[in-house]
Amino acid sequence: MNRVAKGGAVAAIALAFVGGWEGLSLAAYLDGGGVPTICRGSTLGVRIGDTATAADCDVMFTRDMVQHEAGMVACLRQPDALPDPVYLATLSFTYNVGVRAACASTLFKLLNRGELRAACDQLPRWNKDNGRVIRGLTNRRASERALCLSGVT
């Protein structure tokens, strides 16, 4: 079973880590790619003008994390073999870039070959939005990389 979906300490860490990077907006806005977004990065069925409560956002965020985790796990050959820090960093990355982009990435190819350090080192490459380097993404990827590498022996 997926680590976030089953709850517990790993789920709490994942929600706190990713949620800290996503921030919280109770009103829908257009993200850097022009996608209507609300709460902590939720996009499913969101329209500009939508609003939510903090409680609504908690429900959406947990739902979205579980869905992204399921997509991530489906793309990995041995997700249960990943150390928790590598798993969490990969989930944060997947949540941010989307399942399709994550699964097609060199990072996932390296994870599937068991090359964990090389996979972690791919994270800083994903710091652009529409071809422009974004400071927030650079900072997020550095944090994800540090978390990822903390799980590599």
C-alpha atoms as a PDB file:
ATOM      1  CA  MET A   1       0.000   0.000   0.000  1.00  0.00           C
ATOM      2  CA  ASN A   2       1.119   3.558  -0.681  1.00  0.00           C
ATOM      3  CA  ARG A   3       2.734   5.296   2.292  1.00  0.00           C
ATOM      4  CA  VAL A   4       0.609   8.456   2.276  1.00  0.00           C
ATOM      5  CA  ALA A   5      -2.605   6.573   1.574  1.00  0.00           C
ATOM      6  CA  LYS A   6      -2.116   4.358   4.627  1.00  0.00           C
ATOM      7  CA  GLY A   7      -1.526   7.324   6.936  1.00  0.00           C
ATOM      8  CA  GLY A   8       0.904   7.478   9.833  1.00  0.00           C
ATOM      9  CA  ALA A   9       4.172   9.328  10.291  1.00  0.00           C
ATOM     10  CA  VAL A  10       5.289   9.223   6.646  1.00  0.00           C
ATOM     11  CA  ALA A  11       1.925  10.625   5.548  1.00  0.00           C
ATOM     12  CA  ALA A  12       2.158  13.443   8.090  1.00  0.00           C
ATOM     13  CA  ILE A  13       5.704  14.310   6.974  1.00  0.00           C
ATOM     14  CA  ALA A  14       4.681  14.226   3.298  1.00  0.00           C
ATOM     15  CA  LEU A  15       1.689  16.492   3.858  1.00  0.00           C
ATOM     16  CA  ALA A  16       3.763  18.943   5.919  1.00  0.00           C
ATOM     17  CA  PHE A  17       6.721  18.987   3.503  1.00  0.00           C
ATOM     18  CA  VAL A  18       4.705  19.374   0.303  1.00  0.00           C
ATOM     19  CA  GLY A  19       2.130  21.662   1.907  1.00  0.00           C
ATOM     20  CA  GLY A  20       4.904  23.956   3.073  1.00  0.00           C
ATOM     21  CA  TRP A  21       6.039  24.446  -0.503  1.00  0.00           C
ATOM     22  CA  GLU A  22       2.585  24.769  -1.985  1.00  0.00           C
ATOM     23  CA  GLY A  23       1.294  27.483   0.346  1.00  0.00           C
ATOM     24  CA  LEU A  24      -2.430  28.064   0.852  1.00  0.00           C
ATOM     25  CA  SER A  25      -4.861  30.142  -1.185  1.00  0.00           C
ATOM     26  CA  LEU A  26      -8.556  30.106  -0.306  1.00  0.00           C
ATOM     27  CA  ALA A  27      -9.419  31.766  -3.626  1.00  0.00           C
ATOM     28  CA  ALA A  28      -8.721  30.324  -7.065  1.00  0.00           C
ATOM     29  CA  TYR A  29      -5.865  31.874  -9.046  1.00  0.00           C
ATOM     30  CA  LEU A  30      -3.973  31.112 -12.247  1.00  0.00           C
ATOM     31  CA  ASP A  31      -0.689  29.331 -11.608  1.00  0.00           C
ATOM     32  CA  GLY A  32       2.454  30.085 -13.622  1.00  0.00           C
ATOM     33  CA  GLY A  33       1.209  27.867 -16.417  1.00  0.00           C
ATOM     34  CA  GLY A  34      -2.214  29.541 -16.530  1.00  0.00           C
ATOM     35  CA  VAL A  35      -4.053  26.673 -14.793  1.00  0.00           C
ATOM     36  CA  PRO A  36      -6.824  27.600 -12.323  1.00  0.00           C
ATOM     37  CA  THR A  37      -5.557  26.497  -8.903  1.00  0.00           C
ATOM     38  CA  ILE A  38      -6.799  26.693  -5.330  1.00  0.00           C
ATOM     39  CA  CYS A  39      -5.761  25.679  -1.816  1.00  0.00           C
ATOM     40  CA  ARG A  40      -2.409  23.856  -1.858  1.00  0.00           C
ATOM     41  CA  GLY A  41      -2.053  23.367  -5.588  1.00  0.00           C
ATOM     42  CA  SER A  42      -5.405  21.692  -6.322  1.00  0.00           C
ATOM     43  CA  THR A  43      -6.472  22.014  -9.958  1.00  0.00           C
ATOM     44  CA  LEU A  44      -9.178  19.358 -10.411  1.00  0.00           C
ATOM     45  CA  GLY A  45     -12.381  21.107 -11.493  1.00  0.00           C
ATOM     46  CA  VAL A  46     -11.155  24.520 -10.278  1.00  0.00           C
ATOM     47  CA  ARG A  47     -12.503  27.679 -11.900  1.00  0.00           C
ATOM     48  CA  ILE A  48     -11.495  31.278 -11.343  1.00  0.00           C
ATOM     49  CA  GLY A  49     -13.904  32.709  -8.784  1.00  0.00           C
ATOM     50  CA  ASP A  50     -13.975  29.509  -6.702  1.00  0.00           C
ATOM     51  CA  THR A  51     -13.305  29.809  -2.979  1.00  0.00           C
ATOM     52  CA  ALA A  52     -12.679  27.233  -0.263  1.00  0.00           C
ATOM     53  CA  THR A  53     -12.361  26.991   3.490  1.00  0.00           C
ATOM     54  CA  ALA A  54      -9.208  25.764   5.204  1.00  0.00           C
ATOM     55  CA  ALA A  55     -11.055  22.524   5.998  1.00  0.00           C
ATOM     56  CA  ASP A  56     -12.014  22.126   2.314  1.00  0.00           C
ATOM     57  CA  CYS A  57      -8.363  22.640   1.409  1.00  0.00           C
ATOM     58  CA  ASP A  58      -7.213  19.951   3.846  1.00  0.00           C
ATOM     59  CA  VAL A  59      -9.600  17.452   2.241  1.00  0.00           C
ATOM     60  CA  MET A  60      -8.552  18.431  -1.316  1.00  0.00           C
ATOM     61  CA  PHE A  61      -4.863  18.311  -0.468  1.00  0.00           C
ATOM     62  CA  THR A  62      -5.053  14.850   1.068  1.00  0.00           C
ATOM     63  CA  ARG A  63      -7.102  13.600  -1.898  1.00  0.00           C
ATOM     64  CA  ASP A  64      -4.648  15.106  -4.388  1.00  0.00           C
ATOM     65  CA  MET A  65      -1.600  13.728  -2.558  1.00  0.00           C
ATOM     66  CA  VAL A  66      -3.073  10.218  -2.524  1.00  0.00           C
ATOM     67  CA  GLN A  67      -3.875  10.466  -6.254  1.00  0.00           C
ATOM     68  CA  HIS A  68      -0.384  11.726  -7.123  1.00  0.00           C
ATOM     69  CA  GLU A  69       1.152   9.039  -4.955  1.00  0.00           C
ATOM     70  CA  ALA A  70      -0.839   6.337  -6.762  1.00  0.00           C
ATOM     71  CA  GLY A  71       0.335   7.677 -10.115  1.00  0.00           C
ATOM     72  CA  MET A  72       3.922   7.893  -8.905  1.00  0.00           C
ATOM     73  CA  VAL A  73       3.894   4.357  -7.518  1.00  0.00           C
ATOM     74  CA  ALA A  74       2.459   3.007 -10.777  1.00  0.00           C
ATOM     75  CA  CYS A  75       5.522   4.364 -12.627  1.00  0.00           C
ATOM     76  CA  LEU A  76       8.100   2.899 -10.256  1.00  0.00           C
ATOM     77  CA  ARG A  77       9.291  -0.694 -10.513  1.00  0.00           C
ATOM     78  CA  GLN A  78      10.020  -1.101  -6.798  1.00  0.00           C
ATOM     79  CA  PRO A  79       8.508   1.808  -4.865  1.00  0.00           C
ATOM     80  CA  ASP A  80       8.611  -0.150  -1.599  1.00  0.00           C
ATOM     81  CA  ALA A  81      12.401  -0.437  -1.923  1.00  0.00           C
ATOM     82  CA  LEU A  82      12.869   3.345  -1.852  1.00  0.00           C
ATOM     83  CA  PRO A  83      14.027   4.762   1.489  1.00  0.00           C
ATOM     84  CA  ASP A  84      11.433   7.103   3.024  1.00  0.00           C
ATOM     85  CA  PRO A  85      13.401  10.322   2.274  1.00  0.00           C
ATOM     86  CA  VAL A  86      13.806   9.375  -1.410  1.00  0.00           C
ATOM     87  CA  TYR A  87      10.125   8.410  -1.586  1.00  0.00           C
ATOM     88  CA  LEU A  88       9.014  11.694   0.015  1.00  0.00           C
ATOM     89  CA  ALA A  89      11.211  13.868  -2.210  1.00  0.00           C
ATOM     90  CA  THR A  90       9.957  12.003  -5.277  1.00  0.00           C
ATOM     91  CA  LEU A  91       6.356  12.466  -4.164  1.00  0.00           C
ATOM     92  CA  SER A  92       6.880  16.207  -3.650  1.00  0.00           C
ATOM     93  CA  PHE A  93       8.392  16.435  -7.137  1.00  0.00           C
ATOM     94  CA  THR A  94       5.519  14.416  -8.628  1.00  0.00           C
ATOM     95  CA  TYR A  95       2.902  16.557  -6.901  1.00  0.00           C
ATOM     96  CA  ASN A  96       4.513  19.704  -8.271  1.00  0.00           C
ATOM     97  CA  VAL A  97       5.173  18.683 -11.892  1.00  0.00           C
ATOM     98  CA  GLY A  98       2.345  16.188 -12.339  1.00  0.00           C
ATOM     99  CA  VAL A  99       2.316  12.428 -12.741  1.00  0.00           C
ATOM    100  CA  ARG A 100       2.760  12.423 -16.527  1.00  0.00           C
ATOM    101  CA  ALA A 101       5.862  14.633 -16.486  1.00  0.00           C
ATOM    102  CA  ALA A 102       7.341  12.852 -13.469  1.00  0.00           C
ATOM    103  CA  CYS A 103       6.877   9.387 -14.953  1.00  0.00           C
ATOM    104  CA  ALA A 104       8.514  10.449 -18.232  1.00  0.00           C
ATOM    105  CA  SER A 105      11.491  12.052 -16.473  1.00  0.00           C
ATOM    106  CA  THR A 106      15.094  10.907 -16.347  1.00  0.00           C
ATOM    107  CA  LEU A 107      14.708  11.049 -12.564  1.00  0.00           C
ATOM    108  CA  PHE A 108      12.173   8.180 -12.683  1.00  0.00           C
ATOM    109  CA  LYS A 109      14.264   6.242 -15.180  1.00  0.00           C
ATOM    110  CA  LEU A 110      17.186   6.430 -12.741  1.00  0.00           C
ATOM    111  CA  LEU A 111      15.001   5.437  -9.781  1.00  0.00           C
ATOM    112  CA  ASN A 112      13.823   2.408 -11.745  1.00  0.00           C
ATOM    113  CA  ARG A 113      17.459   1.428 -12.365  1.00  0.00           C
ATOM    114  CA  GLY A 114      18.234   1.764  -8.660  1.00  0.00           C
ATOM    115  CA  GLU A 115      20.530   4.773  -9.215  1.00  0.00           C
ATOM    116  CA  LEU A 116      19.222   6.762  -6.261  1.00  0.00           C
ATOM    117  CA  ARG A 117      21.989   9.363  -5.961  1.00  0.00           C
ATOM    118  CA  ALA A 118      21.839  10.137  -9.680  1.00  0.00           C
ATOM    119  CA  ALA A 119      18.036  10.380  -9.441  1.00  0.00           C
ATOM    120  CA  CYS A 120      18.269  12.849  -6.541  1.00  0.00           C
ATOM    121  CA  ASP A 121      20.738  14.898  -8.574  1.00  0.00           C
ATOM    122  CA  GLN A 122      18.109  15.329 -11.318  1.00  0.00           C
ATOM    123  CA  LEU A 123      15.834  17.415  -9.080  1.00  0.00           C
ATOM    124  CA  PRO A 124      17.605  20.787  -9.543  1.00  0.00           C
ATOM    125  CA  ARG A 125      17.035  20.564 -13.302  1.00  0.00           C
ATOM    126  CA  TRP A 126      13.285  21.068 -12.731  1.00  0.00           C
ATOM    127  CA  ASN A 127      13.418  24.722 -11.660  1.00  0.00           C
ATOM    128  CA  LYS A 128      11.719  26.365 -14.643  1.00  0.00           C
ATOM    129  CA  ASP A 129       8.188  27.391 -15.547  1.00  0.00           C
ATOM    130  CA  ASN A 130       7.605  28.145 -19.217  1.00  0.00           C
ATOM    131  CA  GLY A 131      11.373  28.174 -19.754  1.00  0.00           C
ATOM    132  CA  ARG A 132      12.091  30.763 -17.025  1.00  0.00           C
ATOM    133  CA  VAL A 133      14.074  29.907 -13.893  1.00  0.00           C
ATOM    134  CA  ILE A 134      11.828  30.439 -10.863  1.00  0.00           C
ATOM    135  CA  ARG A 135      13.503  31.152  -7.525  1.00  0.00           C
ATOM    136  CA  GLY A 136      10.781  29.314  -5.588  1.00  0.00           C
ATOM    137  CA  LEU A 137      11.238  26.204  -7.732  1.00  0.00           C
ATOM    138  CA  THR A 138      15.015  26.429  -7.377  1.00  0.00           C
ATOM    139  CA  ASN A 139      14.598  26.539  -3.589  1.00  0.00           C
ATOM    140  CA  ARG A 140      12.040  23.725  -3.589  1.00  0.00           C
ATOM    141  CA  ARG A 141      14.241  21.476  -5.730  1.00  0.00           C
ATOM    142  CA  ALA A 142      17.263  22.142  -3.495  1.00  0.00           C
ATOM    143  CA  SER A 143      15.189  21.134  -0.477  1.00  0.00           C
ATOM    144  CA  GLU A 144      13.825  18.040  -2.246  1.00  0.00           C
ATOM    145  CA  ARG A 145      17.366  17.087  -3.313  1.00  0.00           C
ATOM    146  CA  ALA A 146      18.691  17.444   0.244  1.00  0.00           C
ATOM    147  CA  LEU A 147      15.817  15.304   1.557  1.00  0.00           C
ATOM    148  CA  CYS A 148      16.359  12.757  -1.205  1.00  0.00           C
ATOM    149  CA  LEU A 149      20.100  12.496  -0.609  1.00  0.00           C
ATOM    150  CA  SER A 150      19.531  12.039   3.133  1.00  0.00           C
ATOM    151  CA  GLY A 151      18.060   8.656   2.234  1.00  0.00           C
ATOM    152  CA  VAL A 152      20.977   7.538   0.075  1.00  0.00           C
ATOM    153  CA  THR A 153      23.732   5.584   1.775  1.00  0.00           C
END
